[in-house]
Amino acid sequence: MYSLLKILQRNIQLADRLHNEGVFMCGFTTYISKKSMQEMKIHTEKIKYRGPDESRSIVLEDEVHLSFHRLSIMDLSENGMQPFTNEKLDALVCNGEIYNFRNIKEKLLSETTFNSESDCEVILPLYKKLGLAKLCRNLDGEFAFVIWDSQKKTFFAARDQIGIRPLFYARSLENNSIAFSSEVKVLQGFCKDILPFPPGHFFDGQEFISFDEVHKVKEDKLINKSKALSGIKQLFTEAVVKRMSSDASVGYLLSGGLDSSIVCAIAARYSDKPLKTFAVGIEENPIDTKYAKIVADHIGSEHHEILFSKYDIFQSLHDLIYRLETFDITTVRASIGMDLICRYIKKNTDVKVLMTGECSDELFGYKYTDFAPSAFEFQNEASKRMEELYIYDVLRADRCISSNSLEARVPFSDKAFAKFVMSIPSELKMNTTGHGKYLLRAAFETGDYLPHDILYREKAAFSDAVGHASVDYLKDLAEMTVSKDELASAVKLYPHCTPKTKESYLYRKIFEEHFPNQAHLIKAIWMPNQEWENCQVDDPSARALPNYGKSGI
């Protein structure tokens, strides 16, 4: 017990150093202030890990600040560095990938001179040509951006339809003007009323306006099983292939489960060299690594397997929660393995872009959605989970990957693909075959994409799949460090999202040390739908469900 507590104490010290120094995909901050860039550097440098390649800050009109930390992905030269400006001194900072930028660029060439091959450079001239609303609707990608309009003297901003790229806004304590940043930790030092920027919205200087709501797509009753399977296969293949384009090296997270395996199987067919795949597990019981190896062998990838120990968990927890900016139980659990594998990739390889399998469960169903009482309820649940994705799995993937100076690309979040899947009648998506996500499996059944046993394997939840022992160790740590009295006081101390277990109390306590009075950023602790039969569980793990069965074997 003594040694574990010592490890946790050392980790607290490490997190404090990172908090003060910012020693670690791109990150930006925009604000209006009469203070100098040097005075504000203590805040803006806290997310330097998101873009370690180059940093630049500019001041326009004496008090309009735009700070940018770059992770070089497209156009690795200095020409691709932001903020981008034009002759009128409008300015842009963007964290994202615009996959249709070449088509946009071609249409703008007659009236715009481009200085780089950066995909994001097209945003500012397209804004000047079409305005903010049409700009957002024309972009195909994962993005969060802020534009300073020198004529209108205001910031405009927007975030992609699912919220793959993070963005927060707040009011300056200095002058009550609006400020934006990629992460909360920057804003809390000089702002109040920090909130997440709503996905699929743009800010027009006065209010937030929706431009794309994937979760509200209506079902198309003309789609039958055959159309569903062909559409899934075609659109998802396109989603993966467009995300393979990068001037920097691309790697693939491979858990051995359905989602990441399909991503890798598709990519392998369109790559002119073996993929670089990465699997993670805990030393005591690495559930998924053996399945990942089967997939890697099948697609002929250059495979890496990383195992971690319980001491790695304890050493990383405090700093991990600081980087995650959340206390959600599932998010923290699942981040342990993802963070450690990203740390390995950053240290030992030249990979800078990682393809991941997030967003599939929300579209096709979780283990618990097997218990949906009706097709209507299934679709409502999918809509709710898609709307909230940016708080949970998307947040985890972004923070784990970006805080290790890597970029996440998420094919399942592709705009055309996600809208198509949401439009498939829910009767077809429900588990009536004994295999969850049946449509996704069946879409890639022919063509030897994957071994049949992998394609129809019931995978464990990611937080469990890295090894059941990892969750047990976290619970043991909480048991040692949180008293019964502390847990009993949770209702008064933390009225919002009150911790119900010692484990959740531990995460909340660490979160509050770094982000006091910011608990509102997390809407709720992720749990299965408590109103459904068989779903009234007290732990978010799929292990708590009666249909977990073989998924953990």
Protein backbone atom coordinates (compact mmCIF):
# COMPACT_ATOMS: atom_id res chain seq x y z
CA MET A 1 0.00 0.00 0.00
CA TYR A 2 2.81 2.39 0.88
CA SER A 3 4.53 1.96 -2.48
CA LEU A 4 1.30 2.52 -4.42
CA LEU A 5 0.55 5.71 -2.53
CA LYS A 6 4.10 6.92 -3.14
CA ILE A 7 3.64 6.33 -6.86
CA LEU A 8 0.39 8.30 -6.80
CA GLN A 9 2.08 11.16 -4.92
CA ARG A 10 4.91 11.31 -7.47
CA ASN A 11 2.33 11.36 -10.22
CA ILE A 12 0.56 14.31 -8.62
CA GLN A 13 3.86 16.19 -8.66
CA LEU A 14 4.36 15.33 -12.34
CA ALA A 15 0.87 16.57 -13.19
CA ASP A 16 1.53 19.82 -11.34
CA ARG A 17 4.73 20.36 -13.36
CA LEU A 18 2.89 19.74 -16.60
CA HIS A 19 0.13 22.07 -15.45
CA ASN A 20 2.62 24.87 -14.89
CA GLU A 21 5.01 24.28 -17.79
CA GLY A 22 3.04 22.66 -20.62
CA VAL A 23 6.07 20.47 -21.49
CA PHE A 24 4.34 18.17 -23.98
CA MET A 25 -2.94 17.48 -33.13
CA CYS A 26 -2.81 21.17 -33.18
CA GLY A 27 -4.06 23.52 -30.51
CA PHE A 28 -5.07 27.17 -30.50
CA THR A 29 -6.34 30.02 -28.36
CA THR A 30 -7.99 33.28 -29.44
CA TYR A 31 -8.89 36.19 -27.18
CA ILE A 32 -9.01 39.97 -26.89
CA SER A 33 -6.70 41.51 -24.32
CA LYS A 34 -4.49 44.51 -23.73
CA LYS A 35 -1.98 42.22 -22.05
CA SER A 36 1.14 41.26 -23.95
CA MET A 37 1.67 37.87 -25.57
CA GLN A 38 4.39 37.22 -23.01
CA GLU A 39 1.97 37.80 -20.14
CA MET A 40 -0.55 35.40 -21.67
CA LYS A 41 2.02 32.76 -22.58
CA ILE A 42 1.58 31.00 -19.25
CA HIS A 43 -1.95 30.13 -20.37
CA THR A 44 -1.49 29.43 -24.09
CA GLU A 45 1.55 27.20 -23.52
CA LYS A 46 -0.50 24.70 -21.49
CA ILE A 47 -1.57 22.94 -24.69
CA LYS A 48 1.73 23.06 -26.52
CA TYR A 49 1.73 19.25 -26.46
CA ARG A 50 -1.06 19.36 -29.07
CA GLY A 51 1.36 20.98 -31.52
CA PRO A 52 5.02 20.60 -30.57
CA ASP A 53 6.45 21.24 -34.05
CA GLU A 54 6.08 25.01 -34.10
CA SER A 55 4.29 27.77 -32.17
CA ARG A 56 3.24 31.20 -33.34
CA SER A 57 1.23 34.03 -31.81
CA ILE A 58 0.07 37.19 -33.55
CA VAL A 59 -1.62 40.38 -32.36
CA LEU A 60 -3.97 42.29 -34.64
CA GLU A 61 -5.36 45.78 -34.00
CA ASP A 62 -3.28 45.96 -30.80
CA GLU A 63 -5.40 43.57 -28.73
CA VAL A 64 -6.70 40.70 -30.91
CA HIS A 65 -4.60 37.65 -30.04
CA LEU A 66 -4.38 34.36 -31.95
CA SER A 67 -2.03 31.68 -30.65
CA PHE A 68 -1.32 28.43 -32.52
CA HIS A 69 0.66 25.27 -31.76
CA ARG A 70 1.29 23.15 -34.85
CA LEU A 71 1.48 19.42 -35.40
CA SER A 72 2.64 19.22 -39.02
CA ILE A 73 0.49 16.80 -41.01
CA MET A 74 -0.29 18.39 -44.40
CA ASP A 75 2.42 20.52 -46.03
CA LEU A 76 5.24 19.96 -43.58
CA SER A 77 6.97 23.16 -44.66
CA GLU A 78 6.74 26.47 -42.80
CA ASN A 79 4.21 27.63 -45.42
CA GLY A 80 1.57 25.51 -43.69
CA MET A 81 1.99 27.31 -40.38
CA GLN A 82 -0.97 29.20 -38.87
CA PRO A 83 -2.50 31.65 -38.13
CA PHE A 84 -3.41 32.24 -41.79
CA THR A 85 -4.07 35.89 -42.70
CA ASN A 86 -5.08 37.82 -45.81
CA GLU A 87 -4.38 41.32 -47.12
CA LYS A 88 -7.28 42.74 -45.06
CA LEU A 89 -5.79 41.20 -41.91
CA ASP A 90 -8.58 38.72 -41.40
CA ALA A 91 -7.13 35.71 -39.62
CA LEU A 92 -7.81 31.99 -39.15
CA VAL A 93 -6.72 29.28 -36.75
CA CYS A 94 -7.97 25.74 -37.30
CA ASN A 95 -7.42 22.37 -35.70
CA GLY A 96 -8.61 19.78 -38.19
CA GLU A 97 -8.45 18.00 -41.49
CA ILE A 98 -10.51 19.17 -44.48
CA TYR A 99 -10.79 16.15 -46.75
CA ASN A 100 -12.38 17.98 -49.71
CA PHE A 101 -9.88 20.84 -49.66
CA ARG A 102 -8.49 20.07 -53.12
CA ASN A 103 -11.94 20.42 -54.72
CA ILE A 104 -12.52 23.66 -52.83
CA LYS A 105 -9.09 24.96 -53.75
CA GLU A 106 -9.64 24.26 -57.45
CA LYS A 107 -12.84 26.32 -57.41
CA LEU A 108 -11.09 29.24 -55.69
CA LEU A 109 -7.88 29.33 -57.75
CA SER A 110 -9.16 31.96 -60.19
CA GLU A 111 -9.65 34.47 -57.38
CA THR A 112 -7.29 33.39 -54.61
CA THR A 113 -3.55 32.89 -54.32
CA PHE A 114 -2.59 30.04 -52.01
CA ASN A 115 0.76 29.91 -50.27
CA SER A 116 0.75 26.31 -49.05
CA GLU A 117 -0.60 22.80 -49.52
CA SER A 118 -2.29 22.95 -46.13
CA ASP A 119 -5.86 21.68 -46.22
CA CYS A 120 -6.95 24.36 -43.75
CA GLU A 121 -5.80 27.31 -45.86
CA VAL A 122 -8.98 27.10 -47.97
CA ILE A 123 -11.24 28.01 -45.03
CA LEU A 124 -10.56 31.75 -44.88
CA PRO A 125 -11.04 32.51 -48.61
CA LEU A 126 -14.11 30.27 -48.73
CA TYR A 127 -15.54 32.21 -45.78
CA LYS A 128 -14.95 35.50 -47.61
CA LYS A 129 -16.69 34.10 -50.71
CA LEU A 130 -19.66 32.27 -49.18
CA GLY A 131 -20.11 33.51 -45.63
CA LEU A 132 -20.00 31.44 -42.45
CA ALA A 133 -23.10 29.25 -42.86
CA LYS A 134 -22.32 28.09 -46.42
CA LEU A 135 -18.67 27.66 -45.50
CA CYS A 136 -19.52 25.19 -42.74
CA ARG A 137 -21.96 23.23 -44.88
CA ASN A 138 -19.35 22.89 -47.64
CA LEU A 139 -16.60 21.46 -45.45
CA ASP A 140 -16.07 17.70 -45.28
CA GLY A 141 -13.82 16.95 -42.39
CA GLU A 142 -13.05 17.07 -38.71
CA PHE A 143 -12.51 20.64 -37.61
CA ALA A 144 -12.68 23.37 -35.03
CA PHE A 145 -11.78 26.85 -36.21
CA VAL A 146 -11.93 30.53 -35.28
CA ILE A 147 -11.91 33.43 -37.75
CA TRP A 148 -11.18 37.05 -36.90
CA ASP A 149 -13.13 39.29 -39.28
CA SER A 150 -11.30 42.62 -39.39
CA GLN A 151 -14.24 44.48 -40.93
CA LYS A 152 -16.89 43.19 -38.54
CA LYS A 153 -14.47 43.34 -35.59
CA THR A 154 -15.49 40.02 -34.14
CA PHE A 155 -14.56 36.37 -33.82
CA PHE A 156 -16.51 33.73 -35.73
CA ALA A 157 -16.11 30.04 -34.91
CA ALA A 158 -17.37 26.58 -35.85
CA ARG A 159 -17.00 22.92 -34.88
CA ASP A 160 -17.58 19.76 -36.92
CA GLN A 161 -20.88 17.89 -36.72
CA ILE A 162 -19.77 15.31 -34.16
CA GLY A 163 -17.16 17.30 -32.30
CA ILE A 164 -14.13 15.21 -33.24
CA ARG A 165 -11.96 18.27 -32.77
CA PRO A 166 -12.30 19.96 -29.36
CA LEU A 167 -13.34 23.56 -28.83
CA PHE A 168 -14.33 25.57 -25.75
CA TYR A 169 -15.46 29.14 -25.26
CA ALA A 170 -15.67 31.49 -22.30
CA ARG A 171 -15.86 35.13 -21.25
CA SER A 172 -12.70 37.04 -20.44
CA LEU A 173 -12.34 38.27 -16.87
CA GLU A 174 -10.54 41.30 -18.25
CA ASN A 175 -13.22 42.69 -20.58
CA ASN A 176 -16.01 40.09 -20.89
CA SER A 177 -15.13 39.45 -24.55
CA ILE A 178 -15.44 35.93 -25.91
CA ALA A 179 -12.39 33.69 -25.99
CA PHE A 180 -11.87 30.27 -27.59
CA SER A 181 -9.43 27.46 -27.01
CA SER A 182 -8.85 23.80 -27.81
CA GLU A 183 -8.87 22.83 -24.13
CA VAL A 184 -10.36 23.99 -20.83
CA LYS A 185 -7.03 24.26 -19.00
CA VAL A 186 -6.04 27.30 -21.06
CA LEU A 187 -9.21 29.31 -20.47
CA GLN A 188 -9.69 28.71 -16.76
CA GLY A 189 -6.72 30.92 -15.95
CA PHE A 190 -8.18 34.13 -17.37
CA CYS A 191 -11.84 33.40 -18.16
CA LYS A 192 -15.19 32.63 -16.56
CA ASP A 193 -18.23 30.59 -17.62
CA ILE A 194 -16.29 28.02 -19.65
CA LEU A 195 -18.46 25.80 -21.87
CA PRO A 196 -17.93 23.26 -24.65
CA PHE A 197 -18.63 24.63 -28.11
CA PRO A 198 -21.67 22.68 -29.42
CA PRO A 199 -20.79 20.29 -32.30
CA GLY A 200 -22.40 21.00 -35.67
CA HIS A 201 -22.79 24.69 -34.83
CA PHE A 202 -21.16 27.96 -35.79
CA PHE A 203 -20.91 31.15 -33.72
CA ASP A 204 -21.90 34.22 -35.75
CA GLY A 205 -20.59 36.77 -33.26
CA GLN A 206 -23.82 36.80 -31.27
CA GLU A 207 -25.30 33.30 -31.06
CA PHE A 208 -24.72 29.64 -31.86
CA ILE A 209 -26.50 28.36 -34.98
CA SER A 210 -26.81 24.74 -36.06
CA PHE A 211 -25.54 23.84 -39.51
CA ASP A 212 -25.45 20.04 -39.30
CA GLU A 213 -27.17 17.72 -36.81
CA VAL A 214 -26.22 14.14 -37.64
CA HIS A 215 -28.11 12.78 -34.66
CA LYS A 216 -31.41 14.15 -36.00
CA VAL A 217 -31.27 12.45 -39.40
CA LYS A 218 -34.64 10.82 -40.14
CA GLU A 219 -35.00 7.17 -41.05
CA ASP A 220 -35.44 6.36 -44.73
CA LYS A 221 -38.02 3.59 -44.92
CA LEU A 222 -37.01 2.90 -48.55
CA ILE A 223 -33.68 1.51 -47.40
CA ASN A 224 -33.85 -2.27 -47.23
CA LYS A 225 -31.19 -4.71 -46.06
CA SER A 226 -29.50 -4.92 -49.44
CA LYS A 227 -29.27 -1.13 -49.80
CA ALA A 228 -28.08 -0.84 -46.22
CA LEU A 229 -25.22 -3.32 -46.72
CA SER A 230 -24.04 -1.83 -50.02
CA GLY A 231 -24.24 1.72 -48.67
CA ILE A 232 -22.31 0.84 -45.51
CA LYS A 233 -19.57 -0.90 -47.48
CA GLN A 234 -19.17 1.84 -50.09
CA LEU A 235 -19.38 4.86 -47.78
CA PHE A 236 -17.21 3.41 -45.06
CA THR A 237 -14.54 2.41 -47.54
CA GLU A 238 -14.54 5.99 -48.84
CA ALA A 239 -14.36 7.30 -45.27
CA VAL A 240 -11.26 5.24 -44.50
CA VAL A 241 -9.48 5.94 -47.79
CA LYS A 242 -9.90 9.73 -47.61
CA ARG A 243 -8.35 9.69 -44.12
CA MET A 244 -5.27 7.84 -45.33
CA SER A 245 -4.03 10.99 -47.11
CA SER A 246 -1.23 12.56 -45.09
CA ASP A 247 2.24 14.00 -45.60
CA ALA A 248 3.14 12.51 -42.22
CA SER A 249 3.30 8.82 -41.32
CA VAL A 250 -0.03 7.11 -40.51
CA GLY A 251 -0.56 4.35 -37.94
CA TYR A 252 -3.59 2.27 -36.99
CA LEU A 253 -4.89 1.37 -33.54
CA LEU A 254 -5.90 -2.29 -33.73
CA SER A 255 -7.78 -3.79 -30.80
CA GLY A 256 -8.80 -7.03 -32.50
CA GLY A 257 -12.45 -6.06 -32.21
CA LEU A 258 -14.80 -5.45 -35.10
CA ASP A 259 -14.46 -1.69 -35.55
CA SER A 260 -10.71 -1.19 -35.65
CA SER A 261 -10.23 -4.46 -37.53
CA ILE A 262 -12.50 -3.34 -40.39
CA VAL A 263 -10.72 0.02 -40.55
CA CYS A 264 -7.37 -1.75 -40.85
CA ALA A 265 -8.64 -4.34 -43.35
CA ILE A 266 -9.92 -1.61 -45.68
CA ALA A 267 -6.78 0.50 -45.33
CA ALA A 268 -4.55 -2.48 -46.09
CA ARG A 269 -6.26 -2.85 -49.47
CA TYR A 270 -5.54 0.73 -50.45
CA SER A 271 -2.04 1.09 -49.07
CA ASP A 272 1.06 0.55 -51.20
CA LYS A 273 3.00 -0.71 -48.18
CA PRO A 274 2.24 -2.67 -45.00
CA LEU A 275 0.22 -0.78 -42.38
CA LYS A 276 1.74 0.04 -39.03
CA THR A 277 -0.68 -1.42 -36.48
CA PHE A 278 -0.62 -1.14 -32.69
CA ALA A 279 -2.34 -3.19 -29.99
CA VAL A 280 -2.33 -2.68 -26.24
CA GLY A 281 -3.07 -4.93 -23.28
CA ILE A 282 -2.30 -5.40 -19.61
CA GLU A 283 0.39 -7.91 -18.71
CA GLU A 284 -1.81 -10.05 -16.48
CA ASN A 285 -4.64 -10.64 -18.97
CA PRO A 286 -4.32 -8.99 -22.40
CA ILE A 287 -7.72 -10.02 -23.77
CA ASP A 288 -7.53 -8.32 -27.15
CA THR A 289 -3.89 -8.60 -28.16
CA LYS A 290 -4.20 -12.19 -29.38
CA TYR A 291 -7.10 -11.22 -31.67
CA ALA A 292 -5.23 -8.14 -32.89
CA LYS A 293 -2.33 -10.41 -33.87
CA ILE A 294 -4.70 -12.62 -35.91
CA VAL A 295 -5.94 -9.55 -37.80
CA ALA A 296 -2.42 -8.20 -38.27
CA ASP A 297 -1.26 -11.50 -39.73
CA HIS A 298 -4.31 -11.63 -42.02
CA ILE A 299 -3.70 -8.15 -43.49
CA GLY A 300 0.10 -8.41 -43.38
CA SER A 301 0.73 -5.36 -41.20
CA GLU A 302 3.86 -4.32 -39.38
CA HIS A 303 2.45 -5.06 -35.95
CA HIS A 304 3.42 -3.72 -32.54
CA GLU A 305 2.14 -5.09 -29.24
CA ILE A 306 2.46 -3.01 -26.07
CA LEU A 307 1.72 -4.42 -22.62
CA PHE A 308 1.47 -2.35 -19.45
CA SER A 309 1.44 -3.14 -15.75
CA LYS A 310 -0.63 -2.06 -12.77
CA TYR A 311 2.16 0.30 -11.79
CA ASP A 312 1.86 2.04 -15.17
CA ILE A 313 -1.80 2.64 -14.31
CA PHE A 314 -1.02 4.18 -10.94
CA GLN A 315 1.80 6.30 -12.31
CA SER A 316 -0.28 7.81 -15.09
CA LEU A 317 -3.70 8.34 -13.46
CA HIS A 318 -3.36 11.81 -11.96
CA ASP A 319 -1.73 13.38 -15.00
CA LEU A 320 -4.11 11.50 -17.30
CA ILE A 321 -7.19 13.06 -15.70
CA TYR A 322 -5.55 16.49 -16.04
CA ARG A 323 -5.08 15.91 -19.76
CA LEU A 324 -8.52 14.31 -20.22
CA GLU A 325 -10.42 17.09 -18.45
CA THR A 326 -13.07 14.64 -17.28
CA PHE A 327 -14.01 12.43 -14.34
CA ASP A 328 -16.32 10.08 -16.28
CA ILE A 329 -15.68 6.49 -15.17
CA THR A 330 -15.69 4.76 -18.56
CA THR A 331 -13.62 7.52 -20.15
CA VAL A 332 -10.91 7.29 -17.53
CA ARG A 333 -10.81 3.49 -17.58
CA ALA A 334 -10.59 3.30 -21.37
CA SER A 335 -7.98 6.06 -21.52
CA ILE A 336 -5.39 4.12 -19.54
CA GLY A 337 -4.50 1.73 -22.35
CA MET A 338 -5.01 4.25 -25.13
CA ASP A 339 -2.75 6.80 -23.51
CA LEU A 340 0.01 4.30 -22.85
CA ILE A 341 -0.02 2.99 -26.42
CA CYS A 342 0.06 6.55 -27.78
CA ARG A 343 2.98 7.30 -25.51
CA TYR A 344 4.81 4.29 -26.96
CA ILE A 345 4.03 5.34 -30.56
CA LYS A 346 5.27 8.88 -29.95
CA LYS A 347 8.51 7.69 -28.37
CA ASN A 348 9.40 4.76 -30.61
CA THR A 349 8.03 5.44 -34.11
CA ASP A 350 7.73 8.15 -36.77
CA VAL A 351 3.91 7.90 -36.79
CA LYS A 352 2.07 11.21 -36.33
CA VAL A 353 -1.48 10.27 -37.46
CA LEU A 354 -3.57 7.52 -35.88
CA MET A 355 -6.68 5.95 -37.38
CA THR A 356 -9.18 4.84 -34.73
CA GLY A 357 -12.50 2.97 -34.44
CA GLU A 358 -14.53 5.37 -32.27
CA CYS A 359 -18.19 6.25 -33.09
CA SER A 360 -19.27 2.81 -34.28
CA ASP A 361 -21.10 1.78 -31.10
CA GLU A 362 -23.21 4.93 -31.16
CA LEU A 363 -24.26 4.29 -34.76
CA PHE A 364 -24.78 0.52 -34.67
CA GLY A 365 -25.46 -0.20 -31.02
CA TYR A 366 -23.79 -1.11 -27.73
CA LYS A 367 -24.11 -4.38 -25.84
CA TYR A 368 -26.87 -2.83 -23.75
CA THR A 369 -28.90 -1.73 -26.78
CA ASP A 370 -29.68 -5.42 -27.30
CA PHE A 371 -32.28 -4.72 -24.62
CA ALA A 372 -33.94 -1.79 -26.44
CA PRO A 373 -37.69 -2.35 -25.94
CA SER A 374 -38.57 -1.15 -29.46
CA ALA A 375 -37.09 0.09 -32.72
CA PHE A 376 -38.21 3.58 -31.77
CA GLU A 377 -36.30 3.41 -28.48
CA PHE A 378 -33.22 2.02 -30.26
CA GLN A 379 -33.16 4.98 -32.64
CA ASN A 380 -33.72 7.49 -29.85
CA GLU A 381 -30.81 6.00 -27.95
CA ALA A 382 -28.56 6.16 -31.00
CA SER A 383 -29.54 9.80 -31.48
CA LYS A 384 -28.75 10.61 -27.85
CA ARG A 385 -25.39 8.85 -27.93
CA MET A 386 -24.39 10.53 -31.20
CA GLU A 387 -25.30 13.93 -29.79
CA GLU A 388 -23.19 13.32 -26.68
CA LEU A 389 -20.21 11.62 -28.34
CA TYR A 390 -17.99 14.67 -27.89
CA ILE A 391 -18.22 14.32 -24.09
CA TYR A 392 -17.17 10.67 -23.94
CA ASP A 393 -15.38 8.45 -26.50
CA VAL A 394 -14.46 11.32 -28.81
CA LEU A 395 -13.03 13.27 -25.89
CA ARG A 396 -11.00 10.26 -24.80
CA ALA A 397 -9.55 9.67 -28.26
CA ASP A 398 -8.67 13.33 -28.74
CA ARG A 399 -6.96 13.86 -25.39
CA CYS A 400 -5.07 10.55 -25.31
CA ILE A 401 -3.81 10.99 -28.86
CA SER A 402 -3.26 14.74 -29.00
CA SER A 403 -1.56 15.02 -25.61
CA ASN A 404 1.03 12.63 -26.99
CA SER A 405 1.52 14.96 -29.97
CA LEU A 406 -0.35 12.77 -32.45
CA GLU A 407 -3.47 13.35 -34.58
CA ALA A 408 -6.65 11.26 -34.48
CA ARG A 409 -8.68 10.39 -37.56
CA VAL A 410 -12.07 8.77 -37.06
CA PRO A 411 -13.64 7.13 -40.16
CA PHE A 412 -16.88 6.17 -38.39
CA SER A 413 -17.52 9.89 -37.83
CA ASP A 414 -17.49 10.62 -41.57
CA LYS A 415 -20.39 12.94 -42.39
CA ALA A 416 -21.81 11.00 -45.35
CA PHE A 417 -21.36 7.63 -43.67
CA ALA A 418 -22.82 8.66 -40.30
CA LYS A 419 -25.87 10.25 -41.93
CA PHE A 420 -26.49 7.17 -44.03
CA VAL A 421 -26.30 4.81 -41.05
CA MET A 422 -28.62 7.04 -39.01
CA SER A 423 -31.10 6.96 -41.92
CA ILE A 424 -31.24 3.14 -42.00
CA PRO A 425 -34.52 1.96 -40.43
CA SER A 426 -33.80 1.00 -36.85
CA GLU A 427 -35.57 -2.33 -37.31
CA LEU A 428 -32.63 -3.36 -39.48
CA LYS A 429 -30.01 -2.19 -36.97
CA MET A 430 -31.41 -3.91 -33.88
CA ASN A 431 -29.82 -7.17 -32.76
CA THR A 432 -32.19 -9.82 -34.07
CA THR A 433 -29.46 -12.26 -35.18
CA GLY A 434 -27.55 -12.78 -31.95
CA HIS A 435 -24.72 -10.62 -33.27
CA GLY A 436 -24.62 -6.95 -32.36
CA LYS A 437 -23.77 -4.55 -35.19
CA TYR A 438 -24.91 -7.23 -37.64
CA LEU A 439 -25.19 -4.85 -40.61
CA LEU A 440 -21.60 -3.70 -40.21
CA ARG A 441 -20.38 -7.29 -39.98
CA ALA A 442 -22.47 -8.49 -42.94
CA ALA A 443 -21.39 -5.56 -45.13
CA PHE A 444 -17.81 -6.89 -45.10
CA GLU A 445 -18.61 -10.60 -45.00
CA THR A 446 -17.55 -11.22 -48.61
CA GLY A 447 -14.17 -10.31 -50.03
CA ASP A 448 -11.92 -11.86 -47.37
CA TYR A 449 -11.58 -8.63 -45.43
CA LEU A 450 -11.28 -10.49 -42.12
CA PRO A 451 -11.36 -14.05 -40.79
CA HIS A 452 -14.96 -15.08 -40.05
CA ASP A 453 -14.20 -15.62 -36.36
CA ILE A 454 -12.94 -12.03 -36.04
CA LEU A 455 -15.78 -10.54 -38.09
CA TYR A 456 -18.36 -12.19 -35.83
CA ARG A 457 -16.48 -12.01 -32.56
CA GLU A 458 -18.36 -10.35 -29.68
CA LYS A 459 -15.74 -7.91 -28.47
CA ALA A 460 -15.36 -6.67 -24.91
CA ALA A 461 -15.78 -3.00 -24.12
CA PHE A 462 -12.47 -1.18 -24.65
CA SER A 463 -12.14 -0.28 -20.98
CA ASP A 464 -12.35 -4.01 -20.21
CA ALA A 465 -10.70 -5.36 -23.35
CA VAL A 466 -7.22 -4.15 -22.41
CA GLY A 467 -7.62 -6.60 -19.52
CA HIS A 468 -10.23 -6.98 -16.81
CA ALA A 469 -7.42 -6.63 -14.30
CA SER A 470 -6.87 -2.97 -15.21
CA VAL A 471 -10.34 -2.00 -13.93
CA ASP A 472 -9.88 -4.15 -10.85
CA TYR A 473 -6.58 -2.42 -10.06
CA LEU A 474 -8.23 1.00 -10.35
CA LYS A 475 -10.93 -0.12 -7.94
CA ASP A 476 -8.26 -1.42 -5.55
CA LEU A 477 -6.45 1.92 -5.66
CA ALA A 478 -9.69 3.75 -4.89
CA GLU A 479 -10.39 1.39 -2.00
CA MET A 480 -7.00 2.26 -0.49
CA THR A 481 -7.17 6.01 -1.02
CA VAL A 482 -10.84 6.95 -0.49
CA SER A 483 -12.43 6.51 2.92
CA LYS A 484 -16.04 5.63 3.70
CA ASP A 485 -16.51 9.06 5.24
CA GLU A 486 -15.30 10.77 2.08
CA LEU A 487 -17.72 8.79 -0.05
CA ALA A 488 -20.54 9.55 2.37
CA SER A 489 -19.83 13.28 1.97
CA ALA A 490 -20.00 13.12 -1.83
CA VAL A 491 -23.64 14.21 -2.07
CA LYS A 492 -22.94 17.55 -0.37
CA LEU A 493 -19.50 18.06 -1.86
CA TYR A 494 -20.37 17.14 -5.43
CA PRO A 495 -24.13 17.65 -6.03
CA HIS A 496 -23.69 17.42 -9.82
CA CYS A 497 -22.77 13.94 -11.05
CA THR A 498 -22.40 12.74 -7.47
CA PRO A 499 -19.87 9.88 -7.19
CA LYS A 500 -21.57 6.62 -6.18
CA THR A 501 -18.45 4.51 -5.72
CA LYS A 502 -14.96 5.00 -4.32
CA GLU A 503 -13.55 4.69 -7.82
CA SER A 504 -15.71 7.48 -9.18
CA TYR A 505 -14.93 9.59 -6.10
CA LEU A 506 -11.21 9.19 -6.74
CA TYR A 507 -11.54 10.43 -10.32
CA ARG A 508 -13.74 13.34 -9.26
CA LYS A 509 -11.35 14.36 -6.51
CA ILE A 510 -8.41 14.48 -8.93
CA PHE A 511 -10.50 16.37 -11.49
CA GLU A 512 -11.51 19.01 -8.92
CA GLU A 513 -7.88 19.59 -7.97
CA HIS A 514 -7.15 20.65 -11.54
CA PHE A 515 -10.52 22.04 -12.63
CA PRO A 516 -12.41 23.44 -9.63
CA ASN A 517 -16.02 24.43 -10.34
CA GLN A 518 -15.89 22.97 -13.87
CA ALA A 519 -17.89 19.76 -13.29
CA HIS A 520 -20.71 21.14 -15.47
CA LEU A 521 -18.53 20.34 -18.50
CA ILE A 522 -19.50 16.68 -18.05
CA LYS A 523 -23.24 16.28 -18.63
CA ALA A 524 -23.56 12.97 -16.81
CA ILE A 525 -21.64 9.83 -15.92
CA TRP A 526 -21.93 7.49 -18.90
CA MET A 527 -24.21 4.54 -18.10
CA PRO A 528 -26.49 2.19 -20.04
CA ASN A 529 -30.09 3.37 -20.33
CA GLN A 530 -31.32 2.87 -16.78
CA GLU A 531 -34.96 2.77 -17.88
CA TRP A 532 -34.53 -0.44 -19.87
CA GLU A 533 -34.91 -3.95 -18.51
CA ASN A 534 -31.57 -5.62 -17.71
CA CYS A 535 -29.80 -2.25 -17.83
CA GLN A 536 -30.28 -1.08 -14.22
CA VAL A 537 -26.62 -1.63 -13.38
CA ASP A 538 -24.38 0.32 -11.01
CA ASP A 539 -21.25 0.07 -13.17
CA PRO A 540 -20.87 1.30 -16.78
CA SER A 541 -18.82 -1.73 -17.81
CA ALA A 542 -20.42 -4.16 -20.25
CA ARG A 543 -19.30 -6.84 -17.80
CA ALA A 544 -22.23 -5.81 -15.60
CA LEU A 545 -24.76 -6.76 -18.27
CA PRO A 546 -26.40 -10.21 -18.43
CA ASN A 547 -25.58 -10.54 -22.16
CA TYR A 548 -21.83 -9.97 -21.77
CA GLY A 549 -21.20 -13.68 -22.31
CA LYS A 550 -18.32 -14.59 -24.56
CA SER A 551 -17.31 -11.03 -25.37
CA GLY A 552 -14.56 -11.03 -22.79
CA ILE A 553 -12.97 -14.34 -23.75
